[in-house]
Amino acid sequence: MELRRYTDVDAFLDAATPYLVEREAEHNLIFGVASTLREDPHQYTGPAYLATVHDGDRVVMAALRTPPFSLVLSESDDPGATRLLAHDTLESDLPRVQGRDSPSVDPPRSWCSASGSID
C-alpha cells in the first residue's frame, strides 16, 4: 500500500475522482472543498493536505484538509489505508478527523489506534 500526496488540487482530483464517484453521495464534501480550492484557494489559512492511498494501481482511500478545518476521509473498506493516513498526519495539528463509518472500517477508532491514543 502506498500513500501519495499532492500539492495541486487538479492532480489530486485526477487520481481520486474515479474512486470517489463510485460512492459520489458520500464524498460530496470532498468534491465541494476541492472545487473551492480550485476556484479560490486563498479562502483557507494554509496549504491543503491532499492525499490518496493506493493498493497497486487502485485508489482505496482519499483525504483532504484545508486549514483550519478538519481532515476529511473518504469511505474505504481497507483499514490499512486509514492507518497509513493516520501515520502520515501524526505530526499535524488536526482539530478533528471526520469520515463515515463503513461496515469494515471505523475511521475514528482506526485513527486513534494508529496514533497510540487508544488500544
N, C-alpha and C. Protein backbone atom coordinates (compact mmCIF):
# COMPACT_ATOMS: atom_id res chain seq x y z
N MET A 1 0.84 -1.16 0.00
CA MET A 1 0.00 0.00 0.00
C MET A 1 0.89 1.24 0.00
N GLU A 2 0.47 2.26 -0.73
CA GLU A 2 1.28 3.47 -0.89
C GLU A 2 0.42 4.72 -0.73
N LEU A 3 0.92 5.68 0.04
CA LEU A 3 0.26 6.96 0.19
C LEU A 3 0.92 7.95 -0.77
N ARG A 4 0.10 8.71 -1.47
CA ARG A 4 0.61 9.75 -2.37
C ARG A 4 0.02 11.08 -1.96
N ARG A 5 0.87 12.08 -1.82
CA ARG A 5 0.44 13.44 -1.50
C ARG A 5 0.48 14.29 -2.76
N TYR A 6 -0.35 15.32 -2.76
CA TYR A 6 -0.46 16.21 -3.91
C TYR A 6 -0.37 17.66 -3.44
N THR A 7 0.28 18.49 -4.23
CA THR A 7 0.30 19.93 -3.95
C THR A 7 -0.68 20.66 -4.86
N ASP A 8 -1.20 19.96 -5.84
CA ASP A 8 -2.11 20.54 -6.82
C ASP A 8 -3.45 19.84 -6.75
N VAL A 9 -4.52 20.62 -6.59
CA VAL A 9 -5.85 20.02 -6.44
C VAL A 9 -6.27 19.27 -7.70
N ASP A 10 -5.87 19.74 -8.88
CA ASP A 10 -6.24 19.03 -10.11
C ASP A 10 -5.57 17.66 -10.18
N ALA A 11 -4.33 17.56 -9.76
CA ALA A 11 -3.65 16.26 -9.74
C ALA A 11 -4.32 15.32 -8.73
N PHE A 12 -4.71 15.87 -7.58
CA PHE A 12 -5.43 15.08 -6.58
C PHE A 12 -6.74 14.55 -7.17
N LEU A 13 -7.51 15.44 -7.80
CA LEU A 13 -8.79 15.02 -8.37
C LEU A 13 -8.61 14.04 -9.52
N ASP A 14 -7.57 14.22 -10.32
CA ASP A 14 -7.31 13.25 -11.40
C ASP A 14 -7.14 11.85 -10.83
N ALA A 15 -6.43 11.75 -9.72
CA ALA A 15 -6.19 10.44 -9.12
C ALA A 15 -7.41 9.93 -8.35
N ALA A 16 -8.06 10.81 -7.59
CA ALA A 16 -9.10 10.39 -6.66
C ALA A 16 -10.49 10.26 -7.26
N THR A 17 -10.82 11.04 -8.27
CA THR A 17 -12.20 11.09 -8.78
C THR A 17 -12.76 9.74 -9.20
N PRO A 18 -12.04 8.92 -9.96
CA PRO A 18 -12.65 7.62 -10.33
C PRO A 18 -13.07 6.81 -9.10
N TYR A 19 -12.30 6.87 -8.04
CA TYR A 19 -12.66 6.16 -6.81
C TYR A 19 -13.83 6.85 -6.11
N LEU A 20 -13.75 8.17 -5.99
CA LEU A 20 -14.77 8.92 -5.24
C LEU A 20 -16.14 8.85 -5.88
N VAL A 21 -16.21 8.82 -7.21
CA VAL A 21 -17.53 8.79 -7.86
C VAL A 21 -18.24 7.45 -7.69
N GLU A 22 -17.51 6.41 -7.30
CA GLU A 22 -18.17 5.12 -7.03
C GLU A 22 -19.17 5.25 -5.88
N ARG A 23 -18.93 6.18 -4.97
CA ARG A 23 -19.84 6.48 -3.85
C ARG A 23 -19.98 8.00 -3.77
N GLU A 24 -20.45 8.57 -4.85
CA GLU A 24 -20.46 10.03 -5.00
C GLU A 24 -21.21 10.76 -3.89
N ALA A 25 -22.34 10.26 -3.50
CA ALA A 25 -23.12 10.94 -2.46
C ALA A 25 -22.35 11.03 -1.14
N GLU A 26 -21.59 10.01 -0.82
CA GLU A 26 -20.82 10.00 0.42
C GLU A 26 -19.60 10.92 0.36
N HIS A 27 -19.21 11.30 -0.83
CA HIS A 27 -17.98 12.09 -0.99
C HIS A 27 -18.25 13.52 -1.44
N ASN A 28 -19.48 13.99 -1.28
CA ASN A 28 -19.80 15.33 -1.77
C ASN A 28 -19.02 16.42 -1.04
N LEU A 29 -18.69 16.23 0.23
CA LEU A 29 -17.89 17.22 0.95
C LEU A 29 -16.50 17.34 0.33
N ILE A 30 -15.88 16.22 0.02
CA ILE A 30 -14.55 16.25 -0.61
C ILE A 30 -14.63 16.97 -1.96
N PHE A 31 -15.64 16.63 -2.75
CA PHE A 31 -15.79 17.30 -4.05
C PHE A 31 -16.03 18.81 -3.88
N GLY A 32 -16.84 19.20 -2.91
CA GLY A 32 -17.13 20.61 -2.68
C GLY A 32 -15.91 21.40 -2.25
N VAL A 33 -15.17 20.86 -1.30
CA VAL A 33 -13.97 21.54 -0.82
C VAL A 33 -12.92 21.62 -1.93
N ALA A 34 -12.76 20.54 -2.68
CA ALA A 34 -11.79 20.54 -3.79
C ALA A 34 -12.18 21.59 -4.83
N SER A 35 -13.46 21.75 -5.08
CA SER A 35 -13.93 22.77 -6.03
C SER A 35 -13.58 24.18 -5.52
N THR A 36 -13.79 24.41 -4.24
CA THR A 36 -13.43 25.71 -3.66
C THR A 36 -11.93 25.94 -3.74
N LEU A 37 -11.15 24.90 -3.47
CA LEU A 37 -9.69 25.01 -3.59
C LEU A 37 -9.27 25.41 -5.00
N ARG A 38 -9.94 24.84 -5.95
CA ARG A 38 -9.63 25.13 -7.35
C ARG A 38 -9.98 26.59 -7.70
N GLU A 39 -11.12 27.05 -7.21
CA GLU A 39 -11.63 28.38 -7.59
C GLU A 39 -11.07 29.51 -6.72
N ASP A 40 -10.87 29.27 -5.42
CA ASP A 40 -10.42 30.33 -4.53
C ASP A 40 -9.57 29.76 -3.39
N PRO A 41 -8.34 29.34 -3.69
CA PRO A 41 -7.51 28.68 -2.67
C PRO A 41 -7.16 29.60 -1.50
N HIS A 42 -7.27 30.90 -1.68
CA HIS A 42 -6.90 31.84 -0.62
C HIS A 42 -7.96 31.94 0.46
N GLN A 43 -9.04 31.20 0.32
CA GLN A 43 -10.07 31.15 1.36
C GLN A 43 -9.58 30.44 2.61
N TYR A 44 -8.52 29.68 2.50
CA TYR A 44 -8.02 28.88 3.61
C TYR A 44 -6.74 29.48 4.16
N THR A 45 -6.42 29.13 5.42
CA THR A 45 -5.30 29.77 6.11
C THR A 45 -3.94 29.14 5.84
N GLY A 46 -3.89 28.09 5.10
CA GLY A 46 -2.62 27.43 4.82
C GLY A 46 -2.77 26.46 3.68
N PRO A 47 -1.68 25.77 3.35
CA PRO A 47 -1.74 24.82 2.24
C PRO A 47 -2.63 23.63 2.58
N ALA A 48 -3.30 23.13 1.57
CA ALA A 48 -4.19 21.98 1.74
C ALA A 48 -3.38 20.69 1.85
N TYR A 49 -3.92 19.75 2.60
CA TYR A 49 -3.40 18.39 2.64
C TYR A 49 -4.28 17.58 1.68
N LEU A 50 -3.68 17.03 0.66
CA LEU A 50 -4.39 16.24 -0.35
C LEU A 50 -3.66 14.91 -0.49
N ALA A 51 -4.34 13.82 -0.28
CA ALA A 51 -3.66 12.52 -0.34
C ALA A 51 -4.60 11.42 -0.82
N THR A 52 -4.00 10.44 -1.46
CA THR A 52 -4.70 9.22 -1.83
C THR A 52 -3.87 8.04 -1.34
N VAL A 53 -4.55 6.95 -1.07
CA VAL A 53 -3.88 5.71 -0.72
C VAL A 53 -4.18 4.72 -1.84
N HIS A 54 -3.11 4.08 -2.33
CA HIS A 54 -3.22 3.16 -3.46
C HIS A 54 -2.84 1.75 -3.03
N ASP A 55 -3.57 0.81 -3.54
CA ASP A 55 -3.21 -0.60 -3.43
C ASP A 55 -2.92 -1.03 -4.86
N GLY A 56 -1.65 -1.05 -5.20
CA GLY A 56 -1.26 -1.25 -6.61
C GLY A 56 -1.68 -0.03 -7.41
N ASP A 57 -2.41 -0.23 -8.49
CA ASP A 57 -2.87 0.88 -9.32
C ASP A 57 -4.23 1.42 -8.88
N ARG A 58 -4.80 0.84 -7.86
CA ARG A 58 -6.16 1.18 -7.45
C ARG A 58 -6.17 2.09 -6.22
N VAL A 59 -6.90 3.22 -6.29
CA VAL A 59 -7.09 4.08 -5.12
C VAL A 59 -8.07 3.38 -4.18
N VAL A 60 -7.73 3.33 -2.89
CA VAL A 60 -8.60 2.70 -1.90
C VAL A 60 -9.07 3.69 -0.84
N MET A 61 -8.54 4.93 -0.88
CA MET A 61 -8.98 5.96 0.06
C MET A 61 -8.41 7.29 -0.38
N ALA A 62 -9.12 8.35 -0.03
CA ALA A 62 -8.65 9.71 -0.30
C ALA A 62 -8.92 10.55 0.94
N ALA A 63 -8.14 11.62 1.09
CA ALA A 63 -8.33 12.52 2.22
C ALA A 63 -7.91 13.92 1.81
N LEU A 64 -8.58 14.90 2.43
CA LEU A 64 -8.15 16.27 2.24
C LEU A 64 -8.43 17.09 3.46
N ARG A 65 -7.62 18.14 3.62
CA ARG A 65 -7.80 19.07 4.73
C ARG A 65 -7.42 20.46 4.24
N THR A 66 -8.26 21.41 4.59
CA THR A 66 -7.96 22.81 4.34
C THR A 66 -7.95 23.51 5.68
N PRO A 67 -6.76 23.96 6.12
CA PRO A 67 -6.68 24.61 7.43
C PRO A 67 -7.60 25.84 7.49
N PRO A 68 -8.25 26.05 8.58
CA PRO A 68 -8.10 25.42 9.89
C PRO A 68 -9.10 24.29 10.14
N PHE A 69 -9.69 23.74 9.11
CA PHE A 69 -10.77 22.76 9.26
C PHE A 69 -10.26 21.34 9.45
N SER A 70 -11.19 20.41 9.67
CA SER A 70 -10.87 19.01 9.92
C SER A 70 -10.33 18.31 8.68
N LEU A 71 -9.67 17.21 8.94
CA LEU A 71 -9.27 16.30 7.87
C LEU A 71 -10.50 15.49 7.50
N VAL A 72 -10.81 15.41 6.21
CA VAL A 72 -11.98 14.67 5.73
C VAL A 72 -11.49 13.41 5.03
N LEU A 73 -11.97 12.28 5.50
CA LEU A 73 -11.60 10.99 4.92
C LEU A 73 -12.71 10.48 4.02
N SER A 74 -12.33 9.91 2.90
CA SER A 74 -13.32 9.23 2.06
C SER A 74 -13.71 7.93 2.74
N GLU A 75 -14.72 7.31 2.19
CA GLU A 75 -15.04 5.96 2.64
C GLU A 75 -13.95 5.02 2.14
N SER A 76 -13.79 3.93 2.84
CA SER A 76 -12.85 2.90 2.43
C SER A 76 -13.23 1.61 3.12
N ASP A 77 -12.96 0.51 2.45
CA ASP A 77 -13.18 -0.80 3.07
C ASP A 77 -11.86 -1.41 3.51
N ASP A 78 -10.82 -0.58 3.56
CA ASP A 78 -9.48 -1.07 3.85
C ASP A 78 -8.93 -0.39 5.10
N PRO A 79 -8.92 -1.08 6.25
CA PRO A 79 -8.41 -0.46 7.48
C PRO A 79 -6.94 -0.05 7.38
N GLY A 80 -6.18 -0.71 6.54
CA GLY A 80 -4.78 -0.34 6.37
C GLY A 80 -4.61 1.04 5.78
N ALA A 81 -5.55 1.45 4.93
CA ALA A 81 -5.50 2.78 4.33
C ALA A 81 -5.69 3.85 5.39
N THR A 82 -6.63 3.63 6.30
CA THR A 82 -6.86 4.59 7.39
C THR A 82 -5.63 4.71 8.26
N ARG A 83 -5.02 3.59 8.60
CA ARG A 83 -3.80 3.62 9.42
C ARG A 83 -2.68 4.36 8.72
N LEU A 84 -2.52 4.16 7.43
CA LEU A 84 -1.47 4.83 6.67
C LEU A 84 -1.68 6.35 6.69
N LEU A 85 -2.90 6.81 6.48
CA LEU A 85 -3.19 8.24 6.56
C LEU A 85 -2.96 8.78 7.97
N ALA A 86 -3.35 8.01 8.97
CA ALA A 86 -3.14 8.45 10.35
C ALA A 86 -1.66 8.66 10.64
N HIS A 87 -0.84 7.71 10.25
CA HIS A 87 0.60 7.83 10.48
C HIS A 87 1.18 9.02 9.72
N ASP A 88 0.66 9.30 8.54
CA ASP A 88 1.18 10.40 7.74
C ASP A 88 0.86 11.76 8.34
N THR A 89 -0.18 11.83 9.13
CA THR A 89 -0.61 13.12 9.68
C THR A 89 -0.41 13.23 11.19
N LEU A 90 0.32 12.31 11.79
CA LEU A 90 0.51 12.33 13.25
C LEU A 90 1.10 13.64 13.75
N GLU A 91 2.00 14.22 12.98
CA GLU A 91 2.66 15.45 13.42
C GLU A 91 1.85 16.70 13.09
N SER A 92 0.73 16.54 12.41
CA SER A 92 -0.10 17.68 12.04
C SER A 92 -0.97 18.09 13.22
N ASP A 93 -1.31 19.35 13.23
CA ASP A 93 -2.20 19.87 14.27
C ASP A 93 -3.63 19.77 13.75
N LEU A 94 -4.20 18.58 13.86
CA LEU A 94 -5.55 18.35 13.35
C LEU A 94 -6.58 18.64 14.43
N PRO A 95 -7.52 19.54 14.15
CA PRO A 95 -8.55 19.79 15.14
C PRO A 95 -9.53 18.62 15.26
N ARG A 96 -9.69 17.90 14.16
CA ARG A 96 -10.65 16.79 14.12
C ARG A 96 -10.46 16.01 12.83
N VAL A 97 -10.87 14.76 12.88
CA VAL A 97 -10.87 13.91 11.70
C VAL A 97 -12.31 13.47 11.50
N GLN A 98 -12.81 13.59 10.28
CA GLN A 98 -14.18 13.14 10.04
C GLN A 98 -14.22 12.21 8.86
N GLY A 99 -15.05 11.20 9.01
CA GLY A 99 -15.24 10.22 7.95
C GLY A 99 -16.40 9.33 8.33
N ARG A 100 -17.06 8.81 7.34
CA ARG A 100 -18.19 7.90 7.58
C ARG A 100 -17.69 6.53 7.96
N ASP A 101 -18.37 5.93 8.89
CA ASP A 101 -18.06 4.53 9.22
C ASP A 101 -18.55 3.65 8.09
N SER A 102 -17.77 2.65 7.77
CA SER A 102 -18.21 1.64 6.81
C SER A 102 -18.26 0.32 7.56
N PRO A 103 -18.87 -0.69 6.97
CA PRO A 103 -19.01 -1.96 7.70
C PRO A 103 -17.69 -2.55 8.19
N SER A 104 -16.59 -2.32 7.47
CA SER A 104 -15.34 -2.96 7.87
C SER A 104 -14.32 -2.00 8.47
N VAL A 105 -14.60 -0.69 8.45
CA VAL A 105 -13.62 0.27 8.93
C VAL A 105 -14.33 1.30 9.82
N ASP A 106 -13.77 1.55 10.98
CA ASP A 106 -14.26 2.61 11.86
C ASP A 106 -13.17 3.68 11.88
N PRO A 107 -13.28 4.73 11.04
CA PRO A 107 -12.20 5.72 10.92
C PRO A 107 -11.74 6.31 12.25
N PRO A 108 -12.63 6.77 13.13
CA PRO A 108 -12.12 7.34 14.38
C PRO A 108 -11.33 6.34 15.22
N ARG A 109 -11.81 5.10 15.33
CA ARG A 109 -11.10 4.09 16.11
C ARG A 109 -9.77 3.76 15.45
N SER A 110 -9.78 3.58 14.13
CA SER A 110 -8.53 3.29 13.42
C SER A 110 -7.54 4.43 13.62
N TRP A 111 -8.04 5.66 13.58
CA TRP A 111 -7.17 6.82 13.73
C TRP A 111 -6.53 6.85 15.11
N CYS A 112 -7.34 6.68 16.13
CA CYS A 112 -6.83 6.71 17.50
C CYS A 112 -5.88 5.56 17.75
N SER A 113 -6.18 4.40 17.21
CA SER A 113 -5.32 3.24 17.37
C SER A 113 -3.96 3.48 16.72
N ALA A 114 -3.97 4.04 15.51
CA ALA A 114 -2.71 4.29 14.81
C ALA A 114 -1.88 5.36 15.51
N SER A 115 -2.54 6.31 16.15
CA SER A 115 -1.81 7.39 16.79
C SER A 115 -1.39 7.02 18.20
N GLY A 116 -1.88 5.88 18.71
CA GLY A 116 -1.49 5.42 20.04
C GLY A 116 -2.36 5.97 21.14
N SER A 117 -3.47 6.67 20.79
CA SER A 117 -4.31 7.23 21.84
C SER A 117 -5.27 6.22 22.46
N ILE A 118 -5.53 5.10 21.78
CA ILE A 118 -6.32 4.03 22.40
C ILE A 118 -5.69 2.69 22.02
N ASP A 119 -6.08 1.66 22.69
CA ASP A 119 -5.57 0.33 22.35
C ASP A 119 -6.48 -0.33 21.35
